[in-house]
PDB file of all heavy atoms in Angstrom:
ATOM      1  N   GLY A   1       0.832  -1.167   0.059  1.00  0.00           N
ATOM      2  CA  GLY A   1       0.033  -0.090   0.005  1.00  0.00           C
ATOM      3  C   GLY A   1       0.839   1.211   0.007  1.00  0.00           C
ATOM      4  O   GLY A   1       2.104   1.219  -0.106  1.00  0.00           O
ATOM      5  N   SER A   2       0.207   2.424   0.129  1.00  0.00           N
ATOM      6  CA  SER A   2       0.862   3.680   0.046  1.00  0.00           C
ATOM      7  C   SER A   2       0.075   4.617   0.934  1.00  0.00           C
ATOM      8  O   SER A   2      -1.160   4.493   1.079  1.00  0.00           O
ATOM      9  CB  SER A   2       1.033   4.199  -1.325  1.00  0.00           C
ATOM     10  OG  SER A   2      -0.244   4.479  -1.948  1.00  0.00           O
ATOM     11  N   ALA A   3       0.715   5.619   1.452  1.00  0.00           N
ATOM     12  CA  ALA A   3       0.092   6.682   2.227  1.00  0.00           C
ATOM     13  C   ALA A   3      -0.907   7.425   1.464  1.00  0.00           C
ATOM     14  O   ALA A   3      -0.518   7.887   0.349  1.00  0.00           O
ATOM     15  CB  ALA A   3       1.020   7.578   2.931  1.00  0.00           C
ATOM     16  N   THR A   4      -2.086   7.696   1.912  1.00  0.00           N
ATOM     17  CA  THR A   4      -3.105   8.476   1.101  1.00  0.00           C
ATOM     18  C   THR A   4      -3.624   9.622   1.755  1.00  0.00           C
ATOM     19  O   THR A   4      -4.009  10.630   1.096  1.00  0.00           O
ATOM     20  CB  THR A   4      -4.341   7.452   0.687  1.00  0.00           C
ATOM     21  OG1 THR A   4      -4.865   6.988   1.945  1.00  0.00           O
ATOM     22  CG2 THR A   4      -3.842   6.250  -0.100  1.00  0.00           C
ATOM     23  N   ALA A   5      -3.559   9.669   3.101  1.00  0.00           N
ATOM     24  CA  ALA A   5      -4.134  10.713   3.943  1.00  0.00           C
ATOM     25  C   ALA A   5      -3.093  11.929   3.676  1.00  0.00           C
ATOM     26  O   ALA A   5      -1.850  11.708   3.993  1.00  0.00           O
ATOM     27  CB  ALA A   5      -4.433  10.529   5.189  1.00  0.00           C
ATOM     28  N   PRO A   6      -3.417  13.199   3.435  1.00  0.00           N
ATOM     29  CA  PRO A   6      -2.477  14.235   3.327  1.00  0.00           C
ATOM     30  C   PRO A   6      -1.625  14.455   4.445  1.00  0.00           C
ATOM     31  O   PRO A   6      -0.442  14.683   4.262  1.00  0.00           O
ATOM     32  CB  PRO A   6      -3.499  15.493   2.997  1.00  0.00           C
ATOM     33  CG  PRO A   6      -4.647  14.949   2.328  1.00  0.00           C
ATOM     34  CD  PRO A   6      -4.917  13.637   3.117  1.00  0.00           C
ATOM     35  N   SER A   7      -2.152  14.365   5.777  1.00  0.00           N
ATOM     36  CA  SER A   7      -1.361  14.612   6.803  1.00  0.00           C
ATOM     37  C   SER A   7      -0.325  13.447   7.065  1.00  0.00           C
ATOM     38  O   SER A   7       0.558  13.596   7.829  1.00  0.00           O
ATOM     39  CB  SER A   7      -2.242  14.833   8.092  1.00  0.00           C
ATOM     40  OG  SER A   7      -3.013  13.687   8.291  1.00  0.00           O
ATOM     41  N   ASP A   8      -0.505  12.327   6.432  1.00  0.00           N
ATOM     42  CA  ASP A   8       0.317  11.197   6.692  1.00  0.00           C
ATOM     43  C   ASP A   8       1.314  11.008   5.513  1.00  0.00           C
ATOM     44  O   ASP A   8       2.165  10.097   5.536  1.00  0.00           O
ATOM     45  CB  ASP A   8      -0.471   9.888   6.778  1.00  0.00           C
ATOM     46  CG  ASP A   8      -1.462   9.850   7.924  1.00  0.00           C
ATOM     47  OD1 ASP A   8      -1.307  10.665   8.893  1.00  0.00           O
ATOM     48  OD2 ASP A   8      -2.443   9.209   7.913  1.00  0.00           O
ATOM     49  N   ALA A   9       1.291  11.830   4.489  1.00  0.00           N
ATOM     50  CA  ALA A   9       1.966  11.514   3.331  1.00  0.00           C
ATOM     51  C   ALA A   9       3.493  11.761   3.448  1.00  0.00           C
ATOM     52  O   ALA A   9       4.256  11.130   2.665  1.00  0.00           O
ATOM     53  CB  ALA A   9       1.552  12.525   2.167  1.00  0.00           C
ATOM     54  N   GLN A  10       3.948  12.257   4.488  1.00  0.00           N
ATOM     55  CA  GLN A  10       5.456  12.563   4.774  1.00  0.00           C
ATOM     56  C   GLN A  10       6.028  11.295   5.405  1.00  0.00           C
ATOM     57  O   GLN A  10       7.273  11.091   5.461  1.00  0.00           O
ATOM     58  CB  GLN A  10       5.567  13.757   5.658  1.00  0.00           C
ATOM     59  CG  GLN A  10       5.165  14.981   4.970  1.00  0.00           C
ATOM     60  CD  GLN A  10       5.308  16.174   6.099  1.00  0.00           C
ATOM     61  OE1 GLN A  10       6.263  16.496   6.653  1.00  0.00           O
ATOM     62  NE2 GLN A  10       4.032  16.762   6.285  1.00  0.00           N
ATOM     63  N   LEU A  11       5.299  10.351   5.760  1.00  0.00           N
ATOM     64  CA  LEU A  11       5.768   9.180   6.498  1.00  0.00           C
ATOM     65  C   LEU A  11       6.163   8.076   5.383  1.00  0.00           C
ATOM     66  O   LEU A  11       5.396   7.869   4.392  1.00  0.00           O
ATOM     67  CB  LEU A  11       4.694   8.403   7.314  1.00  0.00           C
ATOM     68  CG  LEU A  11       4.433   9.026   8.726  1.00  0.00           C
ATOM     69  CD1 LEU A  11       3.333   8.209   9.332  1.00  0.00           C
ATOM     70  CD2 LEU A  11       5.630   9.184   9.534  1.00  0.00           C
ATOM     71  N   THR A  12       7.365   7.477   5.420  1.00  0.00           N
ATOM     72  CA  THR A  12       7.657   6.446   4.546  1.00  0.00           C
ATOM     73  C   THR A  12       6.947   5.087   5.169  1.00  0.00           C
ATOM     74  O   THR A  12       6.515   5.112   6.323  1.00  0.00           O
ATOM     75  CB  THR A  12       9.162   6.209   4.468  1.00  0.00           C
ATOM     76  OG1 THR A  12       9.599   5.686   5.755  1.00  0.00           O
ATOM     77  CG2 THR A  12       9.934   7.383   4.113  1.00  0.00           C
ATOM     78  N   ARG A  13       6.943   4.028   4.342  1.00  0.00           N
ATOM     79  CA  ARG A  13       6.283   2.755   4.842  1.00  0.00           C
ATOM     80  C   ARG A  13       7.085   2.308   6.108  1.00  0.00           C
ATOM     81  O   ARG A  13       6.559   1.848   7.004  1.00  0.00           O
ATOM     82  CB  ARG A  13       6.271   1.805   3.800  1.00  0.00           C
ATOM     83  CG  ARG A  13       5.610   0.578   4.200  1.00  0.00           C
ATOM     84  CD  ARG A  13       5.548  -0.454   2.994  1.00  0.00           C
ATOM     85  NE  ARG A  13       4.722   0.098   1.947  1.00  0.00           N
ATOM     86  CZ  ARG A  13       5.220   0.133   0.648  1.00  0.00           C
ATOM     87  NH1 ARG A  13       6.406  -0.190   0.335  1.00  0.00           N
ATOM     88  NH2 ARG A  13       4.402   0.784  -0.328  1.00  0.00           N
ATOM     89  N   ALA A  14       8.370   2.338   5.915  1.00  0.00           N
ATOM     90  CA  ALA A  14       9.226   1.821   6.975  1.00  0.00           C
ATOM     91  C   ALA A  14       9.040   2.733   8.240  1.00  0.00           C
ATOM     92  O   ALA A  14       8.971   2.126   9.297  1.00  0.00           O
ATOM     93  CB  ALA A  14      10.779   1.943   6.677  1.00  0.00           C
ATOM     94  N   GLN A  15       8.959   4.025   8.196  1.00  0.00           N
ATOM     95  CA  GLN A  15       8.581   4.829   9.409  1.00  0.00           C
ATOM     96  C   GLN A  15       7.309   4.506  10.006  1.00  0.00           C
ATOM     97  O   GLN A  15       7.148   4.322  11.233  1.00  0.00           O
ATOM     98  CB  GLN A  15       8.795   6.271   9.064  1.00  0.00           C
ATOM     99  CG  GLN A  15      10.219   6.648   8.727  1.00  0.00           C
ATOM    100  CD  GLN A  15      10.374   8.125   8.102  1.00  0.00           C
ATOM    101  OE1 GLN A  15       9.297   8.590   7.606  1.00  0.00           O
ATOM    102  NE2 GLN A  15      11.373   8.800   8.348  1.00  0.00           N
ATOM    103  N   ALA A  16       6.277   4.321   9.126  1.00  0.00           N
ATOM    104  CA  ALA A  16       4.941   3.973   9.662  1.00  0.00           C
ATOM    105  C   ALA A  16       4.997   2.552  10.372  1.00  0.00           C
ATOM    106  O   ALA A  16       4.349   2.357  11.397  1.00  0.00           O
ATOM    107  CB  ALA A  16       3.955   3.960   8.493  1.00  0.00           C
ATOM    108  N   LEU A  17       5.840   1.784   9.848  1.00  0.00           N
ATOM    109  CA  LEU A  17       5.904   0.359  10.502  1.00  0.00           C
ATOM    110  C   LEU A  17       6.618   0.490  11.827  1.00  0.00           C
ATOM    111  O   LEU A  17       6.003  -0.154  12.847  1.00  0.00           O
ATOM    112  CB  LEU A  17       6.789  -0.516   9.650  1.00  0.00           C
ATOM    113  CG  LEU A  17       7.171  -1.889  10.257  1.00  0.00           C
ATOM    114  CD1 LEU A  17       5.869  -2.722  10.464  1.00  0.00           C
ATOM    115  CD2 LEU A  17       8.034  -2.682   9.190  1.00  0.00           C
ATOM    116  N   ALA A  18       7.480   1.352  11.978  1.00  0.00           N
ATOM    117  CA  ALA A  18       8.112   1.570  13.310  1.00  0.00           C
ATOM    118  C   ALA A  18       7.235   2.125  14.309  1.00  0.00           C
ATOM    119  O   ALA A  18       7.244   1.782  15.498  1.00  0.00           O
ATOM    120  CB  ALA A  18       9.412   2.475  13.125  1.00  0.00           C
ATOM    121  N   LEU A  19       6.446   3.124  13.844  1.00  0.00           N
ATOM    122  CA  LEU A  19       5.534   3.866  14.647  1.00  0.00           C
ATOM    123  C   LEU A  19       4.374   2.749  15.171  1.00  0.00           C
ATOM    124  O   LEU A  19       3.858   2.752  16.222  1.00  0.00           O
ATOM    125  CB  LEU A  19       4.773   4.968  13.963  1.00  0.00           C
ATOM    126  CG  LEU A  19       5.662   6.104  13.549  1.00  0.00           C
ATOM    127  CD1 LEU A  19       4.793   7.292  13.124  1.00  0.00           C
ATOM    128  CD2 LEU A  19       6.479   6.633  14.720  1.00  0.00           C
ATOM    129  N   ASN A  20       4.013   1.842  14.210  1.00  0.00           N
ATOM    130  CA  ASN A  20       3.054   0.898  14.468  1.00  0.00           C
ATOM    131  C   ASN A  20       3.602  -0.135  15.560  1.00  0.00           C
ATOM    132  O   ASN A  20       2.797  -0.471  16.438  1.00  0.00           O
ATOM    133  CB  ASN A  20       2.744   0.044  13.172  1.00  0.00           C
ATOM    134  CG  ASN A  20       1.595  -0.804  13.346  1.00  0.00           C
ATOM    135  OD1 ASN A  20       0.589  -0.451  13.916  1.00  0.00           O
ATOM    136  ND2 ASN A  20       1.635  -2.009  12.709  1.00  0.00           N
ATOM    137  N   HIS A  21       4.857  -0.465  15.471  1.00  0.00           N
ATOM    138  CA  HIS A  21       5.504  -1.221  16.585  1.00  0.00           C
ATOM    139  C   HIS A  21       5.363  -0.617  18.006  1.00  0.00           C
ATOM    140  O   HIS A  21       4.937  -1.299  18.902  1.00  0.00           O
ATOM    141  CB  HIS A  21       6.824  -1.527  16.270  1.00  0.00           C
ATOM    142  CG  HIS A  21       7.269  -2.577  15.414  1.00  0.00           C
ATOM    143  ND1 HIS A  21       7.111  -3.957  15.784  1.00  0.00           N
ATOM    144  CD2 HIS A  21       7.665  -2.616  14.012  1.00  0.00           C
ATOM    145  CE1 HIS A  21       7.416  -4.828  14.740  1.00  0.00           C
ATOM    146  NE2 HIS A  21       7.668  -3.972  13.805  1.00  0.00           N
ATOM    147  N   ALA A  22       5.576   0.650  17.947  1.00  0.00           N
ATOM    148  CA  ALA A  22       5.457   1.393  19.221  1.00  0.00           C
ATOM    149  C   ALA A  22       4.095   1.384  19.777  1.00  0.00           C
ATOM    150  O   ALA A  22       3.872   1.291  20.961  1.00  0.00           O
ATOM    151  CB  ALA A  22       5.979   2.868  18.983  1.00  0.00           C
ATOM    152  N   VAL A  23       3.118   1.651  18.937  1.00  0.00           N
ATOM    153  CA  VAL A  23       1.611   1.674  19.331  1.00  0.00           C
ATOM    154  C   VAL A  23       1.208   0.301  19.822  1.00  0.00           C
ATOM    155  O   VAL A  23       0.521   0.187  20.832  1.00  0.00           O
ATOM    156  CB  VAL A  23       0.738   2.244  18.187  1.00  0.00           C
ATOM    157  CG1 VAL A  23      -0.732   2.019  18.413  1.00  0.00           C
ATOM    158  CG2 VAL A  23       1.098   3.645  17.952  1.00  0.00           C
ATOM    159  N   PHE A  24       1.530  -0.713  19.024  1.00  0.00           N
ATOM    160  CA  PHE A  24       1.130  -2.041  19.484  1.00  0.00           C
ATOM    161  C   PHE A  24       1.835  -2.581  20.592  1.00  0.00           C
ATOM    162  O   PHE A  24       1.401  -3.511  21.348  1.00  0.00           O
ATOM    163  CB  PHE A  24       1.208  -2.985  18.258  1.00  0.00           C
ATOM    164  CG  PHE A  24       0.033  -2.976  17.478  1.00  0.00           C
ATOM    165  CD1 PHE A  24      -0.170  -2.118  16.391  1.00  0.00           C
ATOM    166  CD2 PHE A  24      -1.060  -3.886  17.556  1.00  0.00           C
ATOM    167  CE1 PHE A  24      -1.261  -1.973  15.593  1.00  0.00           C
ATOM    168  CE2 PHE A  24      -2.221  -3.930  16.807  1.00  0.00           C
ATOM    169  CZ  PHE A  24      -2.216  -2.930  15.781  1.00  0.00           C
ATOM    170  N   ALA A  25       3.038  -2.020  20.940  1.00  0.00           N
ATOM    171  CA  ALA A  25       3.774  -2.542  22.199  1.00  0.00           C
ATOM    172  C   ALA A  25       2.935  -2.448  23.364  1.00  0.00           C
ATOM    173  O   ALA A  25       3.085  -3.333  24.255  1.00  0.00           O
ATOM    174  CB  ALA A  25       5.107  -1.912  22.204  1.00  0.00           C
ATOM    175  N   VAL A  26       2.192  -1.420  23.406  1.00  0.00           N
ATOM    176  CA  VAL A  26       1.383  -1.294  24.787  1.00  0.00           C
ATOM    177  C   VAL A  26       0.271  -2.398  24.726  1.00  0.00           C
ATOM    178  O   VAL A  26       0.184  -3.001  25.927  1.00  0.00           O
ATOM    179  CB  VAL A  26       0.615   0.094  24.727  1.00  0.00           C
ATOM    180  CG1 VAL A  26      -0.359   0.167  25.928  1.00  0.00           C
ATOM    181  CG2 VAL A  26       1.657   1.261  24.729  1.00  0.00           C
ATOM    182  N   GLY A  27      -0.441  -2.716  23.875  1.00  0.00           N
ATOM    183  CA  GLY A  27      -1.424  -3.816  23.785  1.00  0.00           C
ATOM    184  C   GLY A  27      -0.780  -5.112  24.072  1.00  0.00           C
ATOM    185  O   GLY A  27      -1.227  -5.909  24.879  1.00  0.00           O
ATOM    186  N   ALA A  28       0.427  -5.372  23.450  1.00  0.00           N
ATOM    187  CA  ALA A  28       1.187  -6.563  23.602  1.00  0.00           C
ATOM    188  C   ALA A  28       1.576  -6.832  25.052  1.00  0.00           C
ATOM    189  O   ALA A  28       1.693  -7.991  25.527  1.00  0.00           O
ATOM    190  CB  ALA A  28       2.422  -6.717  22.703  1.00  0.00           C
ATOM    191  N   GLY A  29       1.913  -5.708  25.650  1.00  0.00           N
ATOM    192  CA  GLY A  29       2.250  -5.779  27.126  1.00  0.00           C
ATOM    193  C   GLY A  29       1.171  -6.290  28.027  1.00  0.00           C
ATOM    194  O   GLY A  29       1.564  -6.761  29.088  1.00  0.00           O
ATOM    195  N   PHE A  30      -0.022  -6.203  27.710  1.00  0.00           N
ATOM    196  CA  PHE A  30      -1.143  -6.659  28.541  1.00  0.00           C
ATOM    197  C   PHE A  30      -1.688  -8.057  27.977  1.00  0.00           C
ATOM    198  O   PHE A  30      -2.440  -8.720  28.691  1.00  0.00           O
ATOM    199  CB  PHE A  30      -2.293  -5.635  28.503  1.00  0.00           C
ATOM    200  CG  PHE A  30      -1.985  -4.456  29.320  1.00  0.00           C
ATOM    201  CD1 PHE A  30      -1.417  -3.322  28.656  1.00  0.00           C
ATOM    202  CD2 PHE A  30      -2.233  -4.431  30.679  1.00  0.00           C
ATOM    203  CE1 PHE A  30      -1.083  -2.201  29.435  1.00  0.00           C
ATOM    204  CE2 PHE A  30      -1.951  -3.218  31.437  1.00  0.00           C
ATOM    205  CZ  PHE A  30      -1.322  -2.183  30.809  1.00  0.00           C
ATOM    206  N   SER A  31      -1.297  -8.542  26.890  1.00  0.00           N
ATOM    207  CA  SER A  31      -1.802  -9.737  26.332  1.00  0.00           C
ATOM    208  C   SER A  31      -1.360 -11.051  27.095  1.00  0.00           C
ATOM    209  O   SER A  31      -1.953 -12.084  26.953  1.00  0.00           O
ATOM    210  CB  SER A  31      -1.351  -9.941  24.887  1.00  0.00           C
ATOM    211  OG  SER A  31      -0.125 -10.136  24.750  1.00  0.00           O
ATOM    212  N   ASP A  32      -0.333 -10.929  27.928  1.00  0.00           N
ATOM    213  CA  ASP A  32       0.155 -12.098  28.682  1.00  0.00           C
ATOM    214  C   ASP A  32      -0.495 -12.142  30.011  1.00  0.00           C
ATOM    215  O   ASP A  32      -0.112 -12.888  30.918  1.00  0.00           O
ATOM    216  CB  ASP A  32       1.610 -12.072  28.873  1.00  0.00           C
ATOM    217  CG  ASP A  32       2.225 -10.905  29.567  1.00  0.00           C
ATOM    218  OD1 ASP A  32       1.319  -9.936  29.895  1.00  0.00           O
ATOM    219  OD2 ASP A  32       3.325 -10.772  29.936  1.00  0.00           O
ATOM    220  N   GLY A  33      -1.461 -11.246  30.320  1.00  0.00           N
ATOM    221  CA  GLY A  33      -2.223 -11.230  31.520  1.00  0.00           C
ATOM    222  C   GLY A  33      -1.497 -10.346  32.680  1.00  0.00           C
ATOM    223  O   GLY A  33      -1.913 -10.433  33.716  1.00  0.00           O
ATOM    224  N   GLY A  34      -0.501  -9.686  32.171  1.00  0.00           N
ATOM    225  CA  GLY A  34       0.218  -8.830  33.099  1.00  0.00           C
ATOM    226  C   GLY A  34      -0.731  -7.686  33.744  1.00  0.00           C
ATOM    227  O   GLY A  34      -1.409  -7.124  33.029  1.00  0.00           O
TER     228      GLY A  34
END
């Protein structure tokens, strides 16, 4: 895919992936019942 929202267009796919890791890290921290 490619960025389509004007405010997101400056992100590369690799940068979006890195931000995605950071966002999902919080949810993953609770999935083990911690």
